Amino acid sequence: MTQALATLAGGCFWCLEAAFEQLDGVLSVLPGYMGGGDPHPTYEAVCRGNTGHAEVVQITFDPAKIDFETLLAAFFTIHDPTTPNRQGHDVGTQYRSAIFFHDAGQQAVAEAMIDRLNGEGIWSSPIVTEVTPAVTFFEAEEYHHQYFRRNPEQGYCIAVVAPKAYKLRKVFADRIKAA
């Protein structure tokens, strides 16, 4: 089986992980950090906003079952790509919207989708999602892995993560993994 990577930043990585792990063809979703200068980022340092890193998820997927464009369609469904350095009450460069492409094909798909979505006028403001080459991925600390699955009753999970996971499940019902 061929595998590919997608690395996306769209706010809190707990939200992205909970949403993307539902999609058929997604093999794994790892929370982590990318895009900054700190060679040893920690959650605490990234949250302070001085590392330059964004909270990201690195998605390993089977391109025979789900393509990069579908992943991006899901990405743009579950976050607001028009607010620089912010998703809801989460504010700071670590919450920016970014697509870290792994090859020229991903870059072309990302740029074309952003152009198309801007042209459709779905949002009242233009998309500010960065499209930039993937650099070193730093895996987040273990307690962030499958955070929503392990903490579904936590306040942030109820108020923020669950609605995003539900929205993806509703919009992409035909693409959700069989139980």
N, C-alpha and C. Protein backbone atom coordinates (compact mmCIF):
# COMPACT_ATOMS: atom_id res chain seq x y z
N MET A 1 0.84 -1.18 0.00
CA MET A 1 0.00 0.00 0.00
C MET A 1 0.89 1.24 0.00
N THR A 2 0.55 2.18 -0.86
CA THR A 2 1.24 3.45 -0.91
C THR A 2 0.69 4.36 0.19
N GLN A 3 1.60 5.09 0.83
CA GLN A 3 1.19 6.04 1.86
C GLN A 3 1.72 7.41 1.51
N ALA A 4 1.00 8.43 1.96
CA ALA A 4 1.43 9.81 1.75
C ALA A 4 1.22 10.58 3.05
N LEU A 5 1.84 11.75 3.12
CA LEU A 5 1.72 12.61 4.30
C LEU A 5 1.04 13.92 3.92
N ALA A 6 0.27 14.43 4.86
CA ALA A 6 -0.29 15.78 4.78
C ALA A 6 -0.05 16.41 6.14
N THR A 7 0.38 17.65 6.17
CA THR A 7 0.60 18.35 7.44
C THR A 7 -0.17 19.66 7.40
N LEU A 8 -1.09 19.79 8.37
CA LEU A 8 -2.03 20.91 8.36
C LEU A 8 -2.10 21.58 9.73
N ALA A 9 -2.24 22.89 9.72
CA ALA A 9 -2.41 23.68 10.94
C ALA A 9 -3.70 24.48 10.80
N GLY A 10 -4.59 24.34 11.76
CA GLY A 10 -5.85 25.06 11.71
C GLY A 10 -6.43 25.23 13.09
N GLY A 11 -5.62 25.78 13.99
CA GLY A 11 -6.06 25.93 15.37
C GLY A 11 -5.51 24.80 16.21
N CYS A 12 -6.23 24.47 17.24
CA CYS A 12 -5.79 23.45 18.20
C CYS A 12 -5.68 22.08 17.53
N PHE A 13 -4.56 21.42 17.76
CA PHE A 13 -4.37 20.11 17.12
C PHE A 13 -5.30 19.05 17.67
N TRP A 14 -5.88 19.24 18.85
CA TRP A 14 -6.86 18.28 19.37
C TRP A 14 -8.06 18.22 18.44
N CYS A 15 -8.50 19.38 17.95
CA CYS A 15 -9.66 19.45 17.05
C CYS A 15 -9.36 18.75 15.73
N LEU A 16 -8.23 19.09 15.16
CA LEU A 16 -7.88 18.51 13.86
C LEU A 16 -7.72 17.00 13.96
N GLU A 17 -7.06 16.54 15.00
CA GLU A 17 -6.86 15.10 15.16
C GLU A 17 -8.20 14.38 15.26
N ALA A 18 -9.10 14.88 16.10
CA ALA A 18 -10.40 14.23 16.32
C ALA A 18 -11.22 14.19 15.03
N ALA A 19 -11.10 15.21 14.22
CA ALA A 19 -11.85 15.25 12.96
C ALA A 19 -11.24 14.31 11.92
N PHE A 20 -9.96 14.46 11.65
CA PHE A 20 -9.33 13.72 10.55
C PHE A 20 -9.25 12.22 10.80
N GLU A 21 -9.14 11.79 12.05
CA GLU A 21 -9.02 10.35 12.29
C GLU A 21 -10.29 9.60 11.92
N GLN A 22 -11.39 10.30 11.68
CA GLN A 22 -12.65 9.66 11.30
C GLN A 22 -12.70 9.27 9.83
N LEU A 23 -11.86 9.90 9.00
CA LEU A 23 -11.97 9.73 7.55
C LEU A 23 -11.40 8.41 7.06
N ASP A 24 -12.17 7.74 6.21
CA ASP A 24 -11.72 6.52 5.58
C ASP A 24 -10.51 6.83 4.70
N GLY A 25 -9.47 6.06 4.83
CA GLY A 25 -8.24 6.29 4.09
C GLY A 25 -7.17 6.97 4.92
N VAL A 26 -7.57 7.57 6.04
CA VAL A 26 -6.60 8.15 6.96
C VAL A 26 -6.08 7.02 7.84
N LEU A 27 -4.77 6.82 7.80
CA LEU A 27 -4.16 5.71 8.52
C LEU A 27 -3.74 6.12 9.93
N SER A 28 -3.25 7.35 10.08
CA SER A 28 -2.88 7.85 11.40
C SER A 28 -2.86 9.37 11.38
N VAL A 29 -3.04 9.94 12.57
CA VAL A 29 -3.00 11.39 12.74
C VAL A 29 -2.17 11.66 13.99
N LEU A 30 -1.07 12.39 13.81
CA LEU A 30 -0.20 12.72 14.94
C LEU A 30 -0.22 14.22 15.19
N PRO A 31 -0.44 14.62 16.46
CA PRO A 31 -0.33 16.04 16.78
C PRO A 31 1.14 16.42 16.92
N GLY A 32 1.44 17.66 16.56
CA GLY A 32 2.82 18.10 16.70
C GLY A 32 2.97 19.57 16.39
N TYR A 33 4.21 19.93 16.07
CA TYR A 33 4.57 21.33 15.85
C TYR A 33 5.41 21.42 14.58
N MET A 34 5.23 22.53 13.83
CA MET A 34 6.01 22.74 12.62
C MET A 34 6.02 24.24 12.30
N GLY A 35 7.05 24.63 11.61
CA GLY A 35 7.07 25.97 11.04
C GLY A 35 7.82 27.01 11.83
N GLY A 36 8.45 26.63 12.91
CA GLY A 36 9.16 27.60 13.73
C GLY A 36 10.65 27.34 13.79
N GLY A 37 11.32 28.13 14.58
CA GLY A 37 12.77 28.03 14.66
C GLY A 37 13.30 27.27 15.86
N ASP A 38 12.46 26.98 16.83
CA ASP A 38 12.92 26.28 18.04
C ASP A 38 13.19 24.81 17.70
N PRO A 39 14.43 24.34 17.90
CA PRO A 39 14.74 22.96 17.55
C PRO A 39 14.24 21.92 18.56
N HIS A 40 13.69 22.37 19.68
CA HIS A 40 13.18 21.46 20.71
C HIS A 40 11.87 22.02 21.28
N PRO A 41 10.83 22.16 20.44
CA PRO A 41 9.60 22.78 20.94
C PRO A 41 8.87 21.90 21.94
N THR A 42 8.29 22.54 22.92
CA THR A 42 7.41 21.88 23.88
C THR A 42 6.06 22.58 23.80
N TYR A 43 5.04 21.94 24.30
CA TYR A 43 3.71 22.53 24.29
C TYR A 43 3.71 23.87 25.00
N GLU A 44 4.36 23.91 26.16
CA GLU A 44 4.39 25.15 26.94
C GLU A 44 5.07 26.28 26.17
N ALA A 45 6.18 25.99 25.52
CA ALA A 45 6.90 27.01 24.75
C ALA A 45 6.09 27.45 23.54
N VAL A 46 5.48 26.51 22.84
CA VAL A 46 4.67 26.85 21.68
C VAL A 46 3.48 27.71 22.10
N CYS A 47 2.86 27.38 23.24
CA CYS A 47 1.71 28.15 23.73
C CYS A 47 2.11 29.59 24.11
N ARG A 48 3.33 29.79 24.51
CA ARG A 48 3.79 31.15 24.81
C ARG A 48 3.90 31.98 23.53
N GLY A 49 3.93 31.31 22.38
CA GLY A 49 3.91 32.00 21.11
C GLY A 49 5.23 32.55 20.63
N ASN A 50 6.34 32.12 21.24
CA ASN A 50 7.63 32.68 20.83
C ASN A 50 8.53 31.68 20.10
N THR A 51 8.00 30.53 19.70
CA THR A 51 8.82 29.54 18.99
C THR A 51 8.67 29.65 17.48
N GLY A 52 7.59 30.27 17.03
CA GLY A 52 7.28 30.34 15.61
C GLY A 52 6.56 29.11 15.08
N HIS A 53 6.44 28.07 15.91
CA HIS A 53 5.79 26.84 15.48
C HIS A 53 4.26 26.99 15.53
N ALA A 54 3.60 26.28 14.66
CA ALA A 54 2.15 26.13 14.70
C ALA A 54 1.82 24.76 15.25
N GLU A 55 0.68 24.66 15.91
CA GLU A 55 0.16 23.34 16.26
C GLU A 55 -0.33 22.72 14.96
N VAL A 56 0.13 21.52 14.65
CA VAL A 56 -0.23 20.85 13.40
C VAL A 56 -0.66 19.42 13.67
N VAL A 57 -1.26 18.83 12.66
CA VAL A 57 -1.42 17.38 12.63
C VAL A 57 -0.70 16.87 11.40
N GLN A 58 0.00 15.76 11.58
CA GLN A 58 0.62 15.10 10.44
C GLN A 58 -0.21 13.85 10.16
N ILE A 59 -0.80 13.84 8.98
CA ILE A 59 -1.75 12.80 8.59
C ILE A 59 -1.05 11.85 7.63
N THR A 60 -1.05 10.57 7.97
CA THR A 60 -0.60 9.54 7.04
C THR A 60 -1.86 8.97 6.41
N PHE A 61 -1.90 8.98 5.07
CA PHE A 61 -3.12 8.53 4.40
C PHE A 61 -2.80 7.64 3.21
N ASP A 62 -3.81 6.88 2.82
CA ASP A 62 -3.72 6.00 1.66
C ASP A 62 -4.32 6.75 0.47
N PRO A 63 -3.50 7.24 -0.47
CA PRO A 63 -4.03 8.03 -1.58
C PRO A 63 -4.94 7.24 -2.52
N ALA A 64 -4.96 5.91 -2.40
CA ALA A 64 -5.90 5.12 -3.19
C ALA A 64 -7.32 5.21 -2.61
N LYS A 65 -7.42 5.61 -1.33
CA LYS A 65 -8.73 5.71 -0.68
C LYS A 65 -9.18 7.15 -0.47
N ILE A 66 -8.24 8.05 -0.25
CA ILE A 66 -8.58 9.45 -0.03
C ILE A 66 -7.45 10.29 -0.62
N ASP A 67 -7.82 11.31 -1.35
CA ASP A 67 -6.78 12.14 -1.96
C ASP A 67 -6.54 13.41 -1.14
N PHE A 68 -5.45 14.08 -1.48
CA PHE A 68 -5.05 15.30 -0.77
C PHE A 68 -6.13 16.37 -0.89
N GLU A 69 -6.76 16.48 -2.04
CA GLU A 69 -7.80 17.49 -2.23
C GLU A 69 -8.98 17.26 -1.28
N THR A 70 -9.35 16.02 -1.05
CA THR A 70 -10.43 15.71 -0.11
C THR A 70 -10.01 16.07 1.31
N LEU A 71 -8.77 15.79 1.66
CA LEU A 71 -8.28 16.19 2.98
C LEU A 71 -8.36 17.70 3.14
N LEU A 72 -7.99 18.44 2.10
CA LEU A 72 -8.07 19.90 2.18
C LEU A 72 -9.53 20.37 2.26
N ALA A 73 -10.42 19.72 1.56
CA ALA A 73 -11.84 20.08 1.64
C ALA A 73 -12.32 19.91 3.09
N ALA A 74 -11.92 18.83 3.74
CA ALA A 74 -12.26 18.62 5.14
C ALA A 74 -11.62 19.70 6.02
N PHE A 75 -10.38 20.01 5.75
CA PHE A 75 -9.64 21.04 6.49
C PHE A 75 -10.38 22.37 6.44
N PHE A 76 -10.80 22.78 5.26
CA PHE A 76 -11.49 24.06 5.12
C PHE A 76 -12.92 24.02 5.67
N THR A 77 -13.45 22.83 5.90
CA THR A 77 -14.78 22.69 6.49
C THR A 77 -14.75 22.90 8.00
N ILE A 78 -13.66 22.53 8.66
CA ILE A 78 -13.66 22.50 10.12
C ILE A 78 -12.93 23.65 10.80
N HIS A 79 -12.42 24.61 10.03
CA HIS A 79 -11.80 25.76 10.69
C HIS A 79 -12.05 27.02 9.86
N ASP A 80 -11.79 28.15 10.46
CA ASP A 80 -11.97 29.44 9.78
C ASP A 80 -10.62 29.85 9.20
N PRO A 81 -10.46 29.77 7.88
CA PRO A 81 -9.17 30.10 7.27
C PRO A 81 -8.99 31.59 6.99
N THR A 82 -9.89 32.41 7.51
CA THR A 82 -9.83 33.85 7.22
C THR A 82 -9.30 34.68 8.39
N THR A 83 -9.04 34.05 9.50
CA THR A 83 -8.59 34.79 10.68
C THR A 83 -7.11 34.50 10.93
N PRO A 84 -6.27 35.50 10.73
CA PRO A 84 -4.84 35.25 10.96
C PRO A 84 -4.55 35.01 12.44
N ASN A 85 -3.81 33.92 12.70
CA ASN A 85 -3.34 33.63 14.05
C ASN A 85 -4.47 33.51 15.07
N ARG A 86 -5.56 32.89 14.65
CA ARG A 86 -6.69 32.76 15.58
C ARG A 86 -7.67 31.71 15.08
N GLN A 87 -8.20 30.95 16.04
CA GLN A 87 -9.36 30.09 15.81
C GLN A 87 -10.23 30.25 17.05
N GLY A 88 -11.33 30.96 16.90
CA GLY A 88 -12.21 31.20 18.05
C GLY A 88 -11.46 31.95 19.13
N HIS A 89 -11.49 31.39 20.35
CA HIS A 89 -10.80 32.03 21.48
C HIS A 89 -9.32 31.67 21.55
N ASP A 90 -8.86 30.77 20.68
CA ASP A 90 -7.44 30.41 20.64
C ASP A 90 -6.72 31.43 19.77
N VAL A 91 -5.85 32.22 20.39
CA VAL A 91 -5.20 33.32 19.69
C VAL A 91 -3.69 33.19 19.80
N GLY A 92 -2.99 33.40 18.70
CA GLY A 92 -1.54 33.37 18.67
C GLY A 92 -1.06 32.71 17.39
N THR A 93 0.20 32.93 17.05
CA THR A 93 0.74 32.38 15.81
C THR A 93 0.68 30.85 15.80
N GLN A 94 0.66 30.23 16.95
CA GLN A 94 0.60 28.77 17.01
C GLN A 94 -0.75 28.24 16.52
N TYR A 95 -1.75 29.12 16.37
CA TYR A 95 -3.08 28.70 15.92
C TYR A 95 -3.37 29.15 14.48
N ARG A 96 -2.32 29.55 13.76
CA ARG A 96 -2.52 30.02 12.39
C ARG A 96 -2.99 28.88 11.48
N SER A 97 -3.56 29.28 10.37
CA SER A 97 -4.00 28.34 9.35
C SER A 97 -2.86 28.16 8.36
N ALA A 98 -2.44 26.92 8.17
CA ALA A 98 -1.32 26.65 7.27
C ALA A 98 -1.42 25.26 6.67
N ILE A 99 -0.98 25.17 5.43
CA ILE A 99 -0.83 23.90 4.74
C ILE A 99 0.67 23.77 4.47
N PHE A 100 1.28 22.77 5.09
CA PHE A 100 2.71 22.51 4.90
C PHE A 100 2.81 21.40 3.85
N PHE A 101 3.08 21.79 2.62
CA PHE A 101 3.07 20.82 1.52
C PHE A 101 4.35 19.98 1.50
N HIS A 102 4.18 18.72 1.05
CA HIS A 102 5.30 17.76 1.00
C HIS A 102 5.85 17.59 -0.41
N ASP A 103 5.17 18.13 -1.41
CA ASP A 103 5.69 18.08 -2.78
C ASP A 103 4.97 19.13 -3.61
N ALA A 104 5.45 19.31 -4.83
CA ALA A 104 4.89 20.34 -5.72
C ALA A 104 3.43 20.06 -6.05
N GLY A 105 3.06 18.81 -6.12
CA GLY A 105 1.66 18.46 -6.39
C GLY A 105 0.74 18.95 -5.29
N GLN A 106 1.14 18.74 -4.04
CA GLN A 106 0.33 19.24 -2.92
C GLN A 106 0.25 20.76 -2.94
N GLN A 107 1.36 21.40 -3.25
CA GLN A 107 1.37 22.87 -3.32
C GLN A 107 0.36 23.35 -4.37
N ALA A 108 0.38 22.74 -5.54
CA ALA A 108 -0.52 23.14 -6.63
C ALA A 108 -1.98 22.93 -6.23
N VAL A 109 -2.28 21.80 -5.62
CA VAL A 109 -3.66 21.51 -5.19
C VAL A 109 -4.11 22.53 -4.15
N ALA A 110 -3.24 22.81 -3.18
CA ALA A 110 -3.58 23.76 -2.12
C ALA A 110 -3.84 25.16 -2.68
N GLU A 111 -2.95 25.63 -3.53
CA GLU A 111 -3.10 26.98 -4.09
C GLU A 111 -4.34 27.07 -4.97
N ALA A 112 -4.61 26.03 -5.75
CA ALA A 112 -5.80 26.02 -6.61
C ALA A 112 -7.07 26.02 -5.77
N MET A 113 -7.09 25.25 -4.69
CA MET A 113 -8.28 25.20 -3.84
C MET A 113 -8.52 26.55 -3.17
N ILE A 114 -7.47 27.17 -2.68
CA ILE A 114 -7.63 28.49 -2.05
C ILE A 114 -8.16 29.50 -3.06
N ASP A 115 -7.62 29.48 -4.27
CA ASP A 115 -8.11 30.39 -5.31
C ASP A 115 -9.58 30.14 -5.61
N ARG A 116 -9.94 28.87 -5.72
CA ARG A 116 -11.33 28.52 -6.02
C ARG A 116 -12.27 28.95 -4.88
N LEU A 117 -11.88 28.65 -3.64
CA LEU A 117 -12.73 29.02 -2.50
C LEU A 117 -12.86 30.53 -2.36
N ASN A 118 -11.77 31.25 -2.57
CA ASN A 118 -11.85 32.72 -2.54
C ASN A 118 -12.79 33.22 -3.63
N GLY A 119 -12.71 32.62 -4.81
CA GLY A 119 -13.56 33.01 -5.93
C GLY A 119 -15.03 32.72 -5.68
N GLU A 120 -15.31 31.66 -4.91
CA GLU A 120 -16.70 31.30 -4.61
C GLU A 120 -17.31 32.22 -3.55
N GLY A 121 -16.47 32.97 -2.84
CA GLY A 121 -16.97 33.90 -1.84
C GLY A 121 -17.66 33.25 -0.66
N ILE A 122 -17.20 32.08 -0.28
CA ILE A 122 -17.80 31.36 0.84
C ILE A 122 -17.68 32.15 2.14
N TRP A 123 -16.55 32.80 2.33
CA TRP A 123 -16.32 33.60 3.53
C TRP A 123 -16.36 35.08 3.14
N SER A 124 -16.67 35.92 4.11
CA SER A 124 -16.76 37.35 3.83
C SER A 124 -15.38 38.01 3.76
N SER A 125 -14.36 37.31 4.19
CA SER A 125 -12.98 37.80 4.12
C SER A 125 -12.14 36.80 3.33
N PRO A 126 -11.02 37.24 2.76
CA PRO A 126 -10.18 36.30 2.00
C PRO A 126 -9.48 35.28 2.91
N ILE A 127 -9.16 34.16 2.34
CA ILE A 127 -8.43 33.10 3.04
C ILE A 127 -7.00 33.57 3.28
N VAL A 128 -6.53 33.39 4.53
CA VAL A 128 -5.17 33.77 4.89
C VAL A 128 -4.27 32.56 5.16
N THR A 129 -4.75 31.38 4.82
CA THR A 129 -4.00 30.14 5.04
C THR A 129 -2.65 30.21 4.33
N GLU A 130 -1.59 29.98 5.10
CA GLU A 130 -0.24 29.92 4.53
C GLU A 130 -0.07 28.62 3.76
N VAL A 131 0.58 28.66 2.63
CA VAL A 131 0.95 27.46 1.88
C VAL A 131 2.47 27.51 1.81
N THR A 132 3.10 26.60 2.54
CA THR A 132 4.55 26.66 2.72
C THR A 132 5.14 25.25 2.75
N PRO A 133 6.40 25.10 2.37
CA PRO A 133 6.99 23.76 2.37
C PRO A 133 7.03 23.15 3.78
N ALA A 134 6.79 21.86 3.84
CA ALA A 134 6.93 21.14 5.11
C ALA A 134 8.39 21.15 5.52
N VAL A 135 8.60 21.36 6.79
CA VAL A 135 9.94 21.30 7.37
C VAL A 135 9.90 20.24 8.46
N THR A 136 10.79 20.28 9.39
CA THR A 136 10.84 19.25 10.43
C THR A 136 9.56 19.22 11.24
N PHE A 137 9.00 18.03 11.37
CA PHE A 137 7.82 17.79 12.20
C PHE A 137 8.29 17.35 13.57
N PHE A 138 7.79 18.02 14.60
CA PHE A 138 8.11 17.66 15.97
C PHE A 138 6.84 17.08 16.60
N GLU A 139 6.88 15.81 16.92
CA GLU A 139 5.71 15.16 17.50
C GLU A 139 5.42 15.74 18.88
N ALA A 140 4.14 15.99 19.15
CA ALA A 140 3.73 16.54 20.44
C ALA A 140 3.89 15.49 21.53
N GLU A 141 3.89 15.98 22.73
CA GLU A 141 3.99 15.12 23.90
C GLU A 141 2.86 14.09 23.91
N GLU A 142 3.13 12.94 24.48
CA GLU A 142 2.20 11.80 24.45
C GLU A 142 0.81 12.17 24.96
N TYR A 143 0.70 13.01 25.97
CA TYR A 143 -0.62 13.29 26.53
C TYR A 143 -1.53 14.05 25.55
N HIS A 144 -0.99 14.55 24.44
CA HIS A 144 -1.81 15.19 23.42
C HIS A 144 -2.38 14.20 22.41
N HIS A 145 -1.80 13.02 22.35
CA HIS A 145 -2.24 12.01 21.37
C HIS A 145 -3.63 11.50 21.74
N GLN A 146 -4.52 11.50 20.74
CA GLN A 146 -5.91 11.05 20.92
C GLN A 146 -6.55 11.72 22.13
N TYR A 147 -6.28 13.00 22.27
CA TYR A 147 -6.75 13.76 23.43
C TYR A 147 -8.28 13.71 23.57
N PHE A 148 -8.97 13.93 22.47
CA PHE A 148 -10.43 13.92 22.53
C PHE A 148 -10.98 12.56 22.91
N ARG A 149 -10.42 11.52 22.35
CA ARG A 149 -10.87 10.15 22.69
C ARG A 149 -10.70 9.87 24.18
N ARG A 150 -9.60 10.36 24.73
CA ARG A 150 -9.30 10.07 26.13
C ARG A 150 -9.95 11.06 27.11
N ASN A 151 -10.42 12.22 26.60
CA ASN A 151 -10.96 13.26 27.47
C ASN A 151 -12.25 13.86 26.91
N PRO A 152 -13.22 13.04 26.51
CA PRO A 152 -14.40 13.59 25.84
C PRO A 152 -15.25 14.50 26.74
N GLU A 153 -15.12 14.37 28.03
CA GLU A 153 -15.93 15.18 28.95
C GLU A 153 -15.22 16.45 29.41
N GLN A 154 -13.99 16.65 28.98
CA GLN A 154 -13.25 17.87 29.33
C GLN A 154 -13.96 19.05 28.67
N GLY A 155 -14.02 20.19 29.35
CA GLY A 155 -14.79 21.34 28.89
C GLY A 155 -14.46 21.80 27.48
N TYR A 156 -13.17 21.95 27.15
CA TYR A 156 -12.77 22.38 25.82
C TYR A 156 -13.20 21.36 24.77
N CYS A 157 -13.10 20.09 25.13
CA CYS A 157 -13.50 19.04 24.19
C CYS A 157 -15.00 19.10 23.90
N ILE A 158 -15.80 19.34 24.92
CA ILE A 158 -17.25 19.43 24.73
C ILE A 158 -17.60 20.66 23.90
N ALA A 159 -16.99 21.80 24.23
CA ALA A 159 -17.37 23.07 23.61
C ALA A 159 -16.76 23.29 22.23
N VAL A 160 -15.55 22.78 21.99
CA VAL A 160 -14.83 23.13 20.75
C VAL A 160 -14.52 21.90 19.89
N VAL A 161 -13.95 20.87 20.47
CA VAL A 161 -13.50 19.72 19.68
C VAL A 161 -14.70 18.93 19.14
N ALA A 162 -15.63 18.57 20.01
CA ALA A 162 -16.76 17.74 19.59
C ALA A 162 -17.56 18.37 18.44
N PRO A 163 -17.87 19.67 18.49
CA PRO A 163 -18.62 20.24 17.35
C PRO A 163 -17.86 20.16 16.02
N LYS A 164 -16.55 20.31 16.05
CA LYS A 164 -15.78 20.22 14.80
C LYS A 164 -15.78 18.78 14.28
N ALA A 165 -15.59 17.82 15.18
CA ALA A 165 -15.61 16.41 14.76
C ALA A 165 -17.00 16.04 14.22
N TYR A 166 -18.04 16.55 14.87
CA TYR A 166 -19.40 16.27 14.41
C TYR A 166 -19.65 16.90 13.04
N LYS A 167 -19.21 18.14 12.85
CA LYS A 167 -19.40 18.83 11.58
C LYS A 167 -18.75 18.04 10.44
N LEU A 168 -17.53 17.56 10.68
CA LEU A 168 -16.86 16.79 9.64
C LEU A 168 -17.63 15.50 9.35
N ARG A 169 -18.09 14.83 10.41
CA ARG A 169 -18.85 13.59 10.25
C ARG A 169 -20.12 13.84 9.44
N LYS A 170 -20.76 14.97 9.67
CA LYS A 170 -22.00 15.31 8.96
C LYS A 170 -21.74 15.67 7.50
N VAL A 171 -20.77 16.52 7.24
CA VAL A 171 -20.49 16.98 5.88
C VAL A 171 -19.86 15.88 5.02
N PHE A 172 -19.03 15.04 5.64
CA PHE A 172 -18.33 13.99 4.91
C PHE A 172 -18.85 12.60 5.28
N ALA A 173 -20.15 12.48 5.47
CA ALA A 173 -20.76 11.23 5.92
C ALA A 173 -20.37 10.04 5.05
N ASP A 174 -20.23 10.27 3.75
CA ASP A 174 -19.89 9.18 2.84
C ASP A 174 -18.41 8.80 2.90
N ARG A 175 -17.61 9.55 3.64
CA ARG A 175 -16.17 9.30 3.72
C ARG A 175 -15.72 8.84 5.11
N ILE A 176 -16.66 8.60 6.03
CA ILE A 176 -16.33 8.22 7.40
C ILE A 176 -16.03 6.72 7.47
N LYS A 177 -15.04 6.38 8.30
CA LYS A 177 -14.67 4.97 8.46
C LYS A 177 -15.84 4.16 9.00
N ALA A 178 -15.95 2.93 8.54
CA ALA A 178 -16.97 2.03 9.06
C ALA A 178 -16.62 1.67 10.49
N ALA A 179 -17.65 1.54 11.30
CA ALA A 179 -17.43 1.22 12.72
C ALA A 179 -17.03 -0.21 12.93
